Amino acid sequence: MPKLEPIPSLSGRAGSRRGRVRVSSSLAEINVVPLVDVMLVLLVIFMVAAPMLQQGFPVRLAQSRRAPAMDQQPVIVSVPLTFRQDAKVRIGNDAVKLDVLDERVKQALSNQMKKDVTLAIDGGITYQEIANVFDKLKQGGVENVHMQTQPTGGSGRQ
């Protein structure tokens, strides 16, 4: 905090109304403005440098003639309303009977790193029918089943 000290009068009048006051500051105070300036400069430097640090090291991968290509397209299993009559689901565009669904899902997931399936179910299918499909998917080695939905009032996928 600055110290206020009276300045002795030069005019010789001891009782002057307008006394002058000298302000002396202590050297122990921190000036915040340069500190903020330095912090903003450091922030800009890190913002510019951060994207460059995330690139990693260039690596030349080994090559193999027998390695299968990794297909990362999600496996979508659709359960149409006709499932009640014929017990067929669709994996992509292929119609599959419920009895062989586990084997077909194993084949579809063989090239996938994640053993996940997206399940698109018609709104008229009962919970028991969904549970039967879930059982077959789990027998086929599916780890996670994602449910595909649409917002209320939206149009269905054809």
Foldseek 3Di string as FASTA:
>chain_A
DWDKDWDDDPVPDRDDPDTDIDTDDDPPDDDCVVVVVVVVVVVVVCVVCVVVVPPDDDDDDDDDPPDDDQDADAWEKEAEPCCVPQCWIDTPNDTDHLVCLLVVLLVVCVRYPALEYEYEYDPVDDPVSVVSSVVSSVSNVRDYYHYDDDDPPDDDDD
